[in-house]
Amino acid sequence: MKRPEVLRKKEDFDKLRSKGKSVGGRYAVMVYLENGLDHNRKAFLASKKVGNSVQRHRAMRLMRESYRLIEKERMVPEGIDFLFIARPAINDSKCADVKKNIEAAMRKAGII
């Protein structure tokens, strides 16, 4: 991911958490909010409830790859901040399952 496409500032996270809309799925929760920029920004989180550091990093890799594939296949509109939060059920899943789950959340939210 390019640097401007990653959410980094605490203010951005706070705004996303307070004003954003969320859609939950089996493997991840997606929080989204329009940002008024010409590109999307995204962040991937996994808390200690997901597991040890190996499991948390795997969860973030699965979500990141799933989003990348969805963005490549479909036209995700520009100007949206995304926050993907892993759920503990993601540990026993495959990339295709996580991709279907994130894609369903985006469809439910009306993004794609």
Protein backbone atom coordinates (compact mmCIF):
# COMPACT_ATOMS: atom_id res chain seq x y z
CA MET A 1 0.00 0.00 0.00
CA LYS A 2 1.14 3.49 -0.73
CA ARG A 3 1.64 5.83 2.19
CA PRO A 4 -1.30 8.21 1.54
CA GLU A 5 -3.64 5.21 1.32
CA VAL A 6 -3.07 4.18 4.94
CA LEU A 7 -4.90 5.66 7.91
CA ARG A 8 -2.31 6.73 10.48
CA LYS A 9 -3.46 9.74 12.49
CA LYS A 10 -5.37 9.37 15.73
CA GLU A 11 -7.79 12.12 14.66
CA ASP A 12 -8.72 10.14 11.55
CA PHE A 13 -9.36 6.99 13.60
CA ASP A 14 -11.42 8.92 16.15
CA LYS A 15 -13.52 10.55 13.44
CA LEU A 16 -14.03 7.20 11.71
CA ARG A 17 -15.06 5.47 14.94
CA SER A 18 -17.44 8.25 16.04
CA LYS A 19 -19.07 9.29 12.75
CA GLY A 20 -18.53 6.24 10.56
CA LYS A 21 -21.03 3.51 9.79
CA SER A 22 -20.25 -0.11 10.53
CA VAL A 23 -21.22 -3.40 8.95
CA GLY A 24 -20.39 -6.63 10.72
CA GLY A 25 -19.59 -9.98 9.25
CA ARG A 26 -18.49 -13.36 10.51
CA TYR A 27 -14.76 -12.68 10.14
CA ALA A 28 -14.46 -8.90 10.25
CA VAL A 29 -16.25 -5.65 11.01
CA MET A 30 -16.01 -2.88 8.43
CA VAL A 31 -16.28 0.76 9.49
CA TYR A 32 -16.47 3.30 6.66
CA LEU A 33 -16.85 7.05 6.18
CA GLU A 34 -16.47 9.40 3.22
CA ASN A 35 -13.24 11.39 3.46
CA GLY A 36 -13.55 13.98 0.66
CA LEU A 37 -10.21 12.97 -0.87
CA ASP A 38 -9.51 11.57 -4.31
CA HIS A 39 -8.33 8.23 -2.93
CA ASN A 40 -9.38 5.62 -0.38
CA ARG A 41 -7.60 5.21 2.91
CA LYS A 42 -7.68 1.97 4.86
CA ALA A 43 -6.53 0.37 8.09
CA PHE A 44 -6.59 -3.21 9.33
CA LEU A 45 -6.76 -4.05 13.03
CA ALA A 46 -6.69 -7.22 15.10
CA SER A 47 -6.93 -7.05 18.88
CA LYS A 48 -5.45 -9.51 21.34
CA LYS A 49 -8.83 -11.28 21.41
CA VAL A 50 -7.91 -12.65 17.98
CA GLY A 51 -4.87 -14.48 19.37
CA ASN A 52 -1.12 -14.21 19.65
CA SER A 53 0.96 -12.00 17.37
CA VAL A 54 1.26 -14.65 14.65
CA GLN A 55 -2.53 -15.05 14.47
CA ARG A 56 -3.11 -11.29 14.56
CA HIS A 57 -0.68 -10.66 11.71
CA ARG A 58 -2.21 -13.49 9.68
CA ALA A 59 -5.66 -11.96 10.24
CA MET A 60 -4.43 -8.57 9.02
CA ARG A 61 -2.75 -10.14 5.99
CA LEU A 62 -5.95 -12.00 5.10
CA MET A 63 -8.03 -8.82 5.33
CA ARG A 64 -5.47 -6.77 3.39
CA GLU A 65 -5.26 -9.33 0.58
CA SER A 66 -9.04 -9.69 0.45
CA TYR A 67 -9.49 -5.94 0.11
CA ARG A 68 -6.78 -5.80 -2.57
CA LEU A 69 -8.54 -8.50 -4.61
CA ILE A 70 -11.94 -6.81 -4.26
CA GLU A 71 -10.45 -3.46 -5.27
CA LYS A 72 -8.81 -5.09 -8.29
CA GLU A 73 -11.97 -6.93 -9.42
CA ARG A 74 -14.58 -4.25 -8.75
CA MET A 75 -14.78 -0.52 -8.92
CA VAL A 76 -14.63 0.59 -5.30
CA PRO A 77 -15.58 4.30 -5.35
CA GLU A 78 -12.89 6.78 -4.39
CA GLY A 79 -12.98 8.99 -1.31
CA ILE A 80 -13.81 6.52 1.47
CA ASP A 81 -11.96 5.66 4.68
CA PHE A 82 -12.14 1.98 5.64
CA LEU A 83 -11.33 0.34 8.94
CA PHE A 84 -11.40 -3.47 9.03
CA ILE A 85 -11.41 -5.05 12.49
CA ALA A 86 -10.76 -8.78 12.71
CA ARG A 87 -12.95 -11.08 14.76
CA PRO A 88 -11.59 -14.20 16.49
CA ALA A 89 -13.39 -16.48 13.99
CA ILE A 90 -10.92 -15.36 11.30
CA ASN A 91 -8.26 -17.73 12.70
CA ASP A 92 -9.87 -20.82 11.18
CA SER A 93 -10.65 -19.28 7.81
CA LYS A 94 -9.16 -19.17 4.35
CA CYS A 95 -8.53 -16.09 2.23
CA ALA A 96 -11.48 -16.86 -0.08
CA ASP A 97 -13.85 -16.98 2.91
CA VAL A 98 -12.61 -13.65 4.24
CA LYS A 99 -12.88 -12.11 0.77
CA LYS A 100 -16.51 -13.26 0.44
CA ASN A 101 -17.26 -11.86 3.89
CA ILE A 102 -15.72 -8.44 3.21
CA GLU A 103 -17.35 -8.29 -0.22
CA ALA A 104 -20.75 -9.07 1.35
CA ALA A 105 -20.21 -6.31 3.93
CA MET A 106 -19.39 -3.84 1.15
CA ARG A 107 -22.47 -4.89 -0.79
CA LYS A 108 -24.63 -4.57 2.34
CA ALA A 109 -23.26 -1.07 2.91
CA GLY A 110 -23.99 -0.11 -0.70
CA ILE A 111 -20.38 0.59 -1.56
CA ILE A 112 -20.15 -1.91 -4.43
